[in-house]
N, C-alpha and C. Protein backbone atom coordinates (compact mmCIF):
# COMPACT_ATOMS: atom_id res chain seq x y z
N MET A 1 80.25 93.83 105.14
CA MET A 1 80.83 93.52 103.72
C MET A 1 79.57 93.30 102.77
N THR A 2 79.59 94.18 101.72
CA THR A 2 78.41 94.18 100.79
C THR A 2 78.43 93.08 99.85
N ARG A 3 77.44 92.36 99.80
CA ARG A 3 77.45 91.40 98.61
C ARG A 3 76.23 91.70 97.49
N SER A 4 76.52 92.07 96.41
CA SER A 4 75.32 92.39 95.52
C SER A 4 74.86 91.26 94.92
N ALA A 5 73.54 91.24 94.20
CA ALA A 5 72.92 90.42 93.43
C ALA A 5 72.28 91.11 92.38
N LEU A 6 72.35 90.65 91.16
CA LEU A 6 71.53 91.29 89.93
C LEU A 6 70.27 90.45 89.99
N LEU A 7 69.07 91.32 90.16
CA LEU A 7 67.67 90.88 89.83
C LEU A 7 67.31 91.18 88.27
N VAL A 8 66.78 89.94 87.60
CA VAL A 8 66.36 90.37 86.35
C VAL A 8 64.77 89.82 86.58
N MET A 9 63.86 90.88 86.46
CA MET A 9 62.56 90.63 87.09
C MET A 9 61.61 90.92 85.81
N ASP A 10 60.49 89.87 85.70
CA ASP A 10 59.58 89.80 84.55
C ASP A 10 59.90 89.98 83.19
N VAL A 11 61.24 89.56 82.98
CA VAL A 11 61.73 89.60 81.34
C VAL A 11 61.36 88.21 80.88
N GLN A 12 59.92 87.98 80.75
CA GLN A 12 59.22 86.75 80.03
C GLN A 12 58.80 86.99 78.81
N LYS A 13 58.72 86.14 78.01
CA LYS A 13 58.44 86.26 76.75
C LYS A 13 57.05 87.04 76.61
N SER A 14 55.92 86.53 77.21
CA SER A 14 54.57 87.30 77.19
C SER A 14 54.63 88.76 77.43
N ILE A 15 55.74 89.31 78.33
CA ILE A 15 55.77 90.52 78.77
C ILE A 15 56.55 91.36 77.67
N THR A 16 57.71 90.73 77.38
CA THR A 16 58.64 91.33 76.25
C THR A 16 57.69 91.33 75.29
N GLY A 17 57.03 90.71 74.73
CA GLY A 17 56.37 90.55 73.50
C GLY A 17 55.02 91.59 73.55
N ARG A 18 54.52 91.97 74.88
CA ARG A 18 53.37 92.81 74.76
C ARG A 18 53.70 94.38 75.19
N LEU A 19 54.87 94.40 75.58
CA LEU A 19 55.24 95.98 75.99
C LEU A 19 55.39 96.94 74.69
N PRO A 20 54.37 97.79 74.76
CA PRO A 20 54.54 98.76 73.61
C PRO A 20 55.62 99.60 73.57
N GLY A 21 56.38 99.64 72.54
CA GLY A 21 57.52 100.52 72.44
C GLY A 21 58.68 100.19 73.16
N LEU A 22 58.99 98.73 73.55
CA LEU A 22 60.04 98.23 74.08
C LEU A 22 61.33 98.43 73.13
N ASP A 23 62.20 99.10 73.67
CA ASP A 23 63.59 99.37 72.94
C ASP A 23 64.16 97.98 72.35
N PRO A 24 64.28 97.83 71.01
CA PRO A 24 64.85 96.49 70.50
C PRO A 24 66.36 96.14 71.04
N ASP A 25 66.79 97.11 71.62
CA ASP A 25 68.03 96.84 72.24
C ASP A 25 68.03 96.54 73.65
N TYR A 26 66.87 96.46 74.24
CA TYR A 26 66.68 96.24 75.81
C TYR A 26 67.30 94.78 76.20
N THR A 27 66.74 93.69 75.44
CA THR A 27 67.17 92.30 76.05
C THR A 27 68.92 91.93 75.56
N PRO A 28 69.33 92.61 74.41
CA PRO A 28 70.70 92.30 74.38
C PRO A 28 71.64 93.39 75.37
N ARG A 29 71.11 94.45 75.65
CA ARG A 29 71.75 95.22 76.82
C ARG A 29 71.73 94.73 78.06
N LEU A 30 70.50 94.02 78.55
CA LEU A 30 70.28 93.37 79.65
C LEU A 30 71.20 92.11 79.55
N ALA A 31 71.26 91.48 78.66
CA ALA A 31 72.11 90.13 78.52
C ALA A 31 73.66 90.70 78.95
N ARG A 32 74.16 91.80 78.45
CA ARG A 32 75.27 92.44 78.79
C ARG A 32 75.60 92.43 80.25
N ALA A 33 74.47 92.92 81.17
CA ALA A 33 74.57 92.94 82.31
C ALA A 33 74.64 91.70 83.11
N VAL A 34 74.01 90.68 82.79
CA VAL A 34 73.89 89.24 83.05
C VAL A 34 75.38 88.85 83.03
N ALA A 35 75.74 88.85 81.71
CA ALA A 35 77.02 88.30 81.66
C ALA A 35 78.33 89.02 82.39
N ALA A 36 78.15 90.35 82.61
CA ALA A 36 79.07 90.75 83.58
C ALA A 36 78.90 90.50 85.07
N ALA A 37 77.52 90.29 85.45
CA ALA A 37 77.49 89.86 86.89
C ALA A 37 78.07 88.46 86.79
N ARG A 38 77.98 87.56 86.09
CA ARG A 38 78.28 86.22 86.15
C ARG A 38 80.02 86.15 86.02
N SER A 39 80.39 86.99 85.27
CA SER A 39 81.95 87.09 84.99
C SER A 39 82.46 87.61 86.30
N ALA A 40 81.71 88.60 87.02
CA ALA A 40 82.27 89.04 88.46
C ALA A 40 81.93 88.23 89.66
N GLY A 41 81.16 87.16 89.44
CA GLY A 41 80.89 86.18 90.42
C GLY A 41 79.67 86.49 91.28
N LEU A 42 78.87 87.58 90.71
CA LEU A 42 77.78 87.98 91.39
C LEU A 42 76.57 86.98 91.15
N PRO A 43 75.66 86.65 91.94
CA PRO A 43 74.49 85.87 91.82
C PRO A 43 73.75 86.62 91.04
N VAL A 44 73.16 85.82 89.87
CA VAL A 44 72.03 86.42 89.18
C VAL A 44 70.82 85.58 89.61
N VAL A 45 69.56 86.63 89.99
CA VAL A 45 68.51 85.96 90.33
C VAL A 45 67.48 86.21 89.41
N PHE A 46 66.68 85.50 88.81
CA PHE A 46 65.56 85.65 87.95
C PHE A 46 64.33 85.59 88.64
N VAL A 47 63.44 86.74 88.30
CA VAL A 47 62.20 86.59 89.29
C VAL A 47 61.21 86.66 88.01
N VAL A 48 60.29 85.65 88.21
CA VAL A 48 59.23 85.53 87.16
C VAL A 48 57.80 85.82 87.96
N VAL A 49 56.70 85.96 87.03
CA VAL A 49 55.51 85.79 87.65
C VAL A 49 54.99 84.41 87.15
N GLY A 50 54.33 83.84 87.93
CA GLY A 50 53.56 82.44 87.73
C GLY A 50 52.86 82.12 88.79
N PHE A 51 51.71 81.32 88.25
CA PHE A 51 50.58 80.80 88.86
C PHE A 51 50.43 79.26 88.66
N ARG A 52 49.89 78.67 89.66
CA ARG A 52 49.12 77.14 89.45
C ARG A 52 48.10 77.18 88.25
N PRO A 53 47.86 75.94 87.73
CA PRO A 53 46.77 75.69 87.08
C PRO A 53 45.40 76.25 87.59
N GLY A 54 44.71 76.87 86.78
CA GLY A 54 43.33 77.33 87.42
C GLY A 54 43.54 78.74 88.17
N HIS A 55 44.69 79.11 88.42
CA HIS A 55 45.02 80.60 89.06
C HIS A 55 44.42 80.79 90.43
N PRO A 56 44.37 79.95 91.17
CA PRO A 56 43.80 80.10 92.36
C PRO A 56 44.23 81.24 93.37
N GLU A 57 45.65 81.70 93.01
CA GLU A 57 46.19 82.57 93.73
C GLU A 57 45.66 84.12 93.07
N THR A 58 45.05 84.01 92.00
CA THR A 58 44.74 85.48 91.54
C THR A 58 43.17 85.85 91.76
N ARG A 59 42.64 84.91 92.33
CA ARG A 59 40.94 85.35 92.55
C ARG A 59 40.64 86.43 93.14
N SER A 60 41.45 86.92 94.04
CA SER A 60 41.20 88.26 94.77
C SER A 60 42.02 89.35 94.19
N SER A 61 42.58 89.19 93.23
CA SER A 61 43.50 90.12 92.63
C SER A 61 42.84 91.03 91.41
N PRO A 62 42.45 92.37 91.62
CA PRO A 62 42.07 92.80 90.16
C PRO A 62 42.88 92.93 89.16
N LEU A 63 44.20 92.95 89.45
CA LEU A 63 45.15 92.94 88.28
C LEU A 63 45.26 91.57 87.67
N PHE A 64 45.60 90.58 88.44
CA PHE A 64 46.07 89.36 87.89
C PHE A 64 44.80 88.36 87.80
N GLY A 65 43.74 88.52 88.45
CA GLY A 65 42.34 88.02 88.24
C GLY A 65 41.94 88.01 86.74
N ALA A 66 42.26 89.04 86.12
CA ALA A 66 41.64 89.13 84.71
C ALA A 66 42.63 88.21 83.68
N LEU A 67 43.70 87.63 84.15
CA LEU A 67 44.48 87.03 83.04
C LEU A 67 43.67 85.59 82.62
N PRO A 68 43.90 85.26 81.39
CA PRO A 68 43.27 83.98 80.78
C PRO A 68 43.89 83.04 81.67
N GLU A 69 43.20 81.90 81.95
CA GLU A 69 43.24 80.73 82.92
C GLU A 69 44.92 80.19 82.83
N ARG A 70 45.24 80.20 81.52
CA ARG A 70 46.45 79.41 81.32
C ARG A 70 47.73 80.22 81.30
N ALA A 71 47.54 81.65 81.35
CA ALA A 71 48.65 82.68 81.34
C ALA A 71 49.63 82.42 82.65
N PHE A 72 50.81 82.45 82.30
CA PHE A 72 51.90 82.38 83.23
C PHE A 72 51.88 81.13 84.19
N THR A 73 51.41 80.04 83.49
CA THR A 73 51.50 78.79 84.35
C THR A 73 52.45 77.77 83.63
N ASP A 74 52.96 76.92 83.95
CA ASP A 74 53.85 75.96 83.42
C ASP A 74 53.42 75.57 82.05
N SER A 75 52.29 75.42 81.65
CA SER A 75 51.93 75.12 80.33
C SER A 75 51.92 76.34 79.40
N ASP A 76 52.27 77.56 79.72
CA ASP A 76 52.45 78.83 79.02
C ASP A 76 53.75 79.03 78.40
N PRO A 77 53.99 78.85 77.14
CA PRO A 77 55.27 79.31 76.75
C PRO A 77 55.59 80.59 76.85
N GLY A 78 54.65 81.62 76.81
CA GLY A 78 55.00 82.79 77.16
C GLY A 78 55.24 83.27 78.59
N ALA A 79 55.27 82.17 79.40
CA ALA A 79 55.79 82.44 80.80
C ALA A 79 57.37 82.26 80.87
N ALA A 80 57.90 81.72 79.89
CA ALA A 80 59.35 81.37 79.63
C ALA A 80 60.29 82.80 79.84
N ILE A 81 61.41 82.82 80.35
CA ILE A 81 62.32 83.92 80.46
C ILE A 81 62.94 84.06 79.09
N HIS A 82 63.01 85.27 78.76
CA HIS A 82 63.27 85.58 77.31
C HIS A 82 64.79 84.90 77.04
N PRO A 83 64.92 84.32 75.81
CA PRO A 83 66.05 83.66 75.59
C PRO A 83 67.40 84.39 75.69
N ASP A 84 67.48 85.80 75.51
CA ASP A 84 68.46 86.64 75.51
C ASP A 84 69.28 86.70 76.96
N VAL A 85 68.13 86.48 77.84
CA VAL A 85 68.73 86.53 79.31
C VAL A 85 68.32 85.33 80.09
N ALA A 86 68.40 83.90 79.42
CA ALA A 86 67.92 82.89 80.14
C ALA A 86 68.84 82.59 81.04
N PRO A 87 68.10 81.87 82.30
CA PRO A 87 69.43 81.45 83.37
C PRO A 87 70.23 80.15 82.78
N LEU A 88 71.08 80.24 83.31
CA LEU A 88 72.23 79.07 83.32
C LEU A 88 71.61 78.03 84.42
N PRO A 89 72.05 76.78 83.88
CA PRO A 89 71.66 75.66 84.89
C PRO A 89 72.21 76.03 86.49
N GLY A 90 71.60 76.03 87.25
CA GLY A 90 71.82 76.20 88.74
C GLY A 90 71.63 77.62 89.08
N GLU A 91 71.25 78.59 88.25
CA GLU A 91 70.86 79.91 88.69
C GLU A 91 69.52 80.06 89.28
N CYS A 92 69.30 80.87 90.34
CA CYS A 92 68.20 80.67 90.86
C CYS A 92 66.93 81.45 89.99
N VAL A 93 65.87 80.68 89.94
CA VAL A 93 64.68 81.32 89.49
C VAL A 93 63.45 81.51 90.48
N VAL A 94 63.18 82.60 90.85
CA VAL A 94 62.12 82.97 92.10
C VAL A 94 60.78 83.31 91.32
N THR A 95 59.60 82.52 91.72
CA THR A 95 58.48 82.64 91.18
C THR A 95 57.52 83.61 92.17
N LYS A 96 57.03 84.77 91.83
CA LYS A 96 56.22 85.76 92.58
C LYS A 96 54.73 85.51 92.14
N LYS A 97 53.97 86.20 93.02
CA LYS A 97 52.40 85.86 92.75
C LYS A 97 51.68 87.45 92.53
N ARG A 98 52.68 88.24 92.79
CA ARG A 98 52.02 89.71 92.74
C ARG A 98 53.09 90.57 92.03
N VAL A 99 52.93 91.93 92.00
CA VAL A 99 53.85 92.81 91.49
C VAL A 99 54.98 92.86 92.02
N SER A 100 55.38 92.92 93.31
CA SER A 100 56.54 92.87 94.05
C SER A 100 57.37 91.63 94.02
N ALA A 101 58.72 91.78 93.67
CA ALA A 101 59.47 90.31 93.63
C ALA A 101 59.38 89.50 94.89
N PHE A 102 59.08 90.35 95.99
CA PHE A 102 58.93 89.77 97.28
C PHE A 102 57.59 88.95 97.59
N THR A 103 56.42 89.55 97.12
CA THR A 103 55.33 89.14 97.48
C THR A 103 54.95 87.64 96.93
N GLY A 104 54.63 86.76 97.74
CA GLY A 104 54.43 85.40 97.31
C GLY A 104 55.36 84.75 96.94
N SER A 105 56.50 85.02 97.26
CA SER A 105 57.85 84.20 96.86
C SER A 105 58.91 84.19 98.01
N ASP A 106 59.84 83.43 97.86
CA ASP A 106 61.00 83.19 98.65
C ASP A 106 62.22 83.90 98.45
N LEU A 107 62.13 85.08 97.67
CA LEU A 107 63.10 85.83 97.25
C LEU A 107 63.96 86.25 98.62
N ASP A 108 63.39 86.92 99.74
CA ASP A 108 64.02 87.42 100.74
C ASP A 108 64.96 86.34 101.39
N LEU A 109 64.48 84.97 101.44
CA LEU A 109 65.15 83.87 102.00
C LEU A 109 66.30 83.53 101.19
N VAL A 110 66.19 83.46 99.81
CA VAL A 110 67.39 83.21 99.02
C VAL A 110 68.40 84.08 99.11
N LEU A 111 67.91 85.54 99.22
CA LEU A 111 68.98 86.61 99.28
C LEU A 111 69.72 86.56 100.71
N ARG A 112 68.82 86.38 101.74
CA ARG A 112 69.62 86.40 103.03
C ARG A 112 70.45 85.18 103.17
N GLY A 113 70.07 83.98 102.47
CA GLY A 113 70.75 82.77 102.70
C GLY A 113 71.89 83.05 101.83
N GLY A 114 72.16 83.76 100.80
CA GLY A 114 73.42 84.22 100.14
C GLY A 114 74.10 85.35 100.76
N ALA A 115 73.55 85.75 101.78
CA ALA A 115 74.39 86.90 102.39
C ALA A 115 74.41 88.28 101.43
N VAL A 116 73.31 88.25 100.75
CA VAL A 116 73.13 89.53 99.97
C VAL A 116 72.56 90.60 100.60
N ASP A 117 73.03 91.75 100.54
CA ASP A 117 72.45 92.94 101.01
C ASP A 117 72.41 94.25 100.27
N ARG A 118 72.93 94.03 98.90
CA ARG A 118 72.62 95.04 97.92
C ARG A 118 72.13 94.31 96.64
N LEU A 119 70.94 94.93 96.03
CA LEU A 119 70.20 94.54 95.09
C LEU A 119 70.48 95.32 93.91
N VAL A 120 70.74 94.71 92.76
CA VAL A 120 70.91 95.61 91.47
C VAL A 120 69.59 95.16 90.63
N LEU A 121 68.71 96.21 90.37
CA LEU A 121 67.29 96.02 89.85
C LEU A 121 67.24 96.21 88.36
N THR A 122 66.72 95.33 87.69
CA THR A 122 66.27 95.49 86.38
C THR A 122 64.91 94.78 86.23
N GLY A 123 64.27 95.08 85.01
CA GLY A 123 63.03 94.35 84.70
C GLY A 123 61.92 95.32 83.89
N LEU A 124 60.96 94.54 83.84
CA LEU A 124 59.79 95.10 83.22
C LEU A 124 58.41 94.94 83.82
N ALA A 125 58.00 96.04 84.39
CA ALA A 125 57.88 97.45 83.92
C ALA A 125 58.62 98.22 84.93
N THR A 126 59.10 99.34 84.71
CA THR A 126 59.63 100.12 85.51
C THR A 126 58.80 100.67 86.61
N SER A 127 57.36 100.98 86.08
CA SER A 127 56.30 101.36 87.03
C SER A 127 55.58 100.24 87.65
N GLY A 128 55.99 98.73 87.41
CA GLY A 128 55.30 97.61 88.13
C GLY A 128 56.36 96.90 89.08
N VAL A 129 56.84 96.17 88.64
CA VAL A 129 57.98 95.05 89.25
C VAL A 129 59.05 95.82 89.82
N VAL A 130 59.53 96.91 89.16
CA VAL A 130 60.92 97.58 89.58
C VAL A 130 60.38 98.59 90.74
N LEU A 131 59.51 99.33 90.51
CA LEU A 131 58.96 100.21 91.71
C LEU A 131 58.47 99.48 93.01
N SER A 132 57.52 98.52 92.68
CA SER A 132 57.17 97.66 93.92
C SER A 132 58.26 97.10 94.72
N THR A 133 59.28 96.53 93.85
CA THR A 133 60.29 95.86 94.38
C THR A 133 61.09 96.80 95.13
N LEU A 134 61.51 97.82 94.69
CA LEU A 134 62.46 98.97 95.29
C LEU A 134 61.79 99.12 96.48
N ARG A 135 60.56 99.55 96.57
CA ARG A 135 60.04 100.15 97.80
C ARG A 135 60.01 98.95 98.97
N GLN A 136 59.51 97.82 98.50
CA GLN A 136 59.62 96.78 99.54
C GLN A 136 61.23 96.35 100.04
N ALA A 137 62.02 96.29 99.11
CA ALA A 137 63.50 96.05 99.33
C ALA A 137 64.05 97.12 100.14
N ALA A 138 63.58 98.45 100.03
CA ALA A 138 64.09 99.49 100.95
C ALA A 138 63.61 99.38 102.28
N ASP A 139 62.30 98.92 102.56
CA ASP A 139 61.74 98.76 103.62
C ASP A 139 62.28 97.42 104.39
N LEU A 140 62.95 96.70 103.54
CA LEU A 140 63.61 95.27 104.11
C LEU A 140 65.42 95.56 104.50
N ASP A 141 65.63 97.04 104.20
CA ASP A 141 66.91 97.41 104.50
C ASP A 141 67.95 96.91 103.58
N TYR A 142 67.75 96.58 102.22
CA TYR A 142 68.59 96.39 101.24
C TYR A 142 69.07 97.57 100.54
N ARG A 143 70.35 97.58 100.47
CA ARG A 143 70.82 98.79 99.55
C ARG A 143 70.39 98.35 98.14
N LEU A 144 70.36 99.45 97.50
CA LEU A 144 69.74 99.37 96.03
C LEU A 144 70.43 100.06 94.98
N THR A 145 70.34 99.51 93.84
CA THR A 145 70.95 100.02 92.70
C THR A 145 70.11 99.78 91.52
N VAL A 146 69.54 100.84 90.62
CA VAL A 146 68.61 100.46 89.75
C VAL A 146 69.32 100.83 88.33
N LEU A 147 69.38 99.86 87.33
CA LEU A 147 69.91 100.04 86.09
C LEU A 147 68.81 100.59 85.14
N ALA A 148 68.90 102.09 85.10
CA ALA A 148 67.71 102.89 84.27
C ALA A 148 67.46 102.15 83.00
N ASP A 149 68.66 101.69 82.12
CA ASP A 149 68.24 101.41 80.98
C ASP A 149 68.21 99.79 80.98
N GLY A 150 68.23 99.30 82.12
CA GLY A 150 67.95 97.73 82.26
C GLY A 150 66.65 97.81 82.75
N CYS A 151 65.79 98.75 82.61
CA CYS A 151 64.19 98.65 82.95
C CYS A 151 63.51 99.44 81.80
N ASP A 152 62.26 99.08 81.61
CA ASP A 152 61.54 99.84 80.47
C ASP A 152 60.05 99.77 80.98
N ASP A 153 59.35 100.60 80.37
CA ASP A 153 57.93 100.89 80.60
C ASP A 153 57.22 101.27 79.47
N ALA A 154 56.01 100.88 79.49
CA ALA A 154 55.08 101.16 78.34
C ALA A 154 55.08 102.71 78.16
N ASP A 155 55.13 103.47 79.19
CA ASP A 155 55.11 105.02 79.18
C ASP A 155 56.41 105.56 79.62
N PRO A 156 57.08 106.05 78.48
CA PRO A 156 58.41 106.64 78.49
C PRO A 156 58.52 107.77 79.71
N GLU A 157 57.49 108.44 79.71
CA GLU A 157 57.63 109.56 80.82
C GLU A 157 57.56 108.98 82.28
N VAL A 158 56.74 108.05 82.39
CA VAL A 158 56.61 107.54 83.75
C VAL A 158 58.04 106.74 84.10
N HIS A 159 58.66 106.04 83.13
CA HIS A 159 59.96 105.60 83.37
C HIS A 159 60.97 106.70 83.57
N ARG A 160 60.85 107.91 83.00
CA ARG A 160 61.98 108.93 83.17
C ARG A 160 61.80 109.51 84.69
N VAL A 161 60.31 109.83 84.93
CA VAL A 161 60.29 110.13 86.28
C VAL A 161 60.64 109.31 87.29
N LEU A 162 60.27 108.06 87.28
CA LEU A 162 60.66 107.14 88.34
C LEU A 162 62.31 107.00 88.33
N THR A 163 63.18 106.91 87.19
CA THR A 163 64.35 106.66 87.17
C THR A 163 65.06 108.11 87.55
N GLU A 164 64.59 109.17 87.27
CA GLU A 164 65.27 110.46 87.38
C GLU A 164 65.05 111.09 88.75
N LYS A 165 63.74 110.80 89.42
CA LYS A 165 63.14 111.65 90.37
C LYS A 165 62.78 111.03 91.62
N VAL A 166 62.17 109.73 91.51
CA VAL A 166 61.56 108.89 92.58
C VAL A 166 62.74 107.99 92.96
N PHE A 167 63.26 107.08 92.09
CA PHE A 167 64.24 106.10 92.54
C PHE A 167 65.40 106.56 93.20
N PRO A 168 66.12 107.85 92.89
CA PRO A 168 67.15 108.12 93.34
C PRO A 168 67.00 108.54 94.99
N ARG A 169 65.92 108.78 95.46
CA ARG A 169 65.45 108.86 96.84
C ARG A 169 66.04 107.88 97.71
N GLN A 170 66.11 106.41 97.13
CA GLN A 170 66.23 105.16 97.82
C GLN A 170 67.36 104.34 97.34
N ALA A 171 67.69 104.57 96.02
CA ALA A 171 68.69 103.90 95.21
C ALA A 171 69.78 104.73 94.54
N ASP A 172 70.79 104.13 94.08
CA ASP A 172 71.68 104.51 93.25
C ASP A 172 71.18 104.36 91.85
N VAL A 173 71.01 105.30 91.00
CA VAL A 173 70.59 104.89 89.64
C VAL A 173 71.71 105.24 88.42
N THR A 174 71.97 104.03 87.74
CA THR A 174 73.04 104.24 86.70
C THR A 174 72.59 103.45 85.66
N THR A 175 73.51 103.48 84.60
CA THR A 175 73.15 102.63 83.29
C THR A 175 73.92 101.34 83.42
N VAL A 176 73.48 100.41 82.56
CA VAL A 176 74.05 99.03 82.44
C VAL A 176 75.80 99.26 82.20
N ASP A 177 76.16 100.08 81.11
CA ASP A 177 77.52 100.36 80.81
C ASP A 177 78.09 100.94 81.99
N ALA A 178 77.68 101.82 82.77
CA ALA A 178 78.42 102.52 83.98
C ALA A 178 78.51 101.35 84.96
N TRP A 179 77.53 100.67 85.28
CA TRP A 179 77.58 99.69 86.11
C TRP A 179 78.62 98.44 85.69
N ILE A 180 78.54 98.15 84.87
CA ILE A 180 79.61 97.07 84.24
C ILE A 180 80.93 97.56 84.41
N ALA A 181 81.06 99.00 83.95
CA ALA A 181 82.41 99.52 84.20
C ALA A 181 82.94 99.62 85.69
N GLY A 182 81.99 99.81 86.54
CA GLY A 182 82.31 99.64 88.03
C GLY A 182 82.64 98.40 88.50
N LEU A 183 82.30 97.39 87.81
CA LEU A 183 82.66 96.07 88.14
C LEU A 183 84.13 95.65 88.13
N ALA A 184 84.66 96.34 87.14
CA ALA A 184 86.13 96.00 86.73
C ALA A 184 87.33 96.39 87.85
């Protein structure tokens, strides 16, 4: 039996606020997907990037090592999940330490513990967390769906190539509205 979970990845205030050209309808559209998953009884798992004070986890990382010391820590208000898609009490929030949602997190344990074998991927950015998580999830034998308009990227052409040409090799790619319609 297949059990799905919706992953909402890196939809944090600092990221939504800095992504150039982010569709203004992005978070309201993603909120519809979150509401539909909840109504259908599917788990919604929120994945955030987060670090300890002083960022000891980032010292070896060329990407994350350049972040300001307070960024994505508990004291950073920008690390909060965007209010349009904020978790409800009791919903799972997983903290990761690298680009993939699996790296440096307990995501696989949470999913396997919930008997989840299909992931519905959303998040920012398509070329970052979505791509990295899709590749790792495929290697971990999860079945995958990507909500193309539940993802966004600073480069629209990269987003298009990934969702139209790369992701379909390992995942079903659909839209938020089509996915919601399929839940009924």
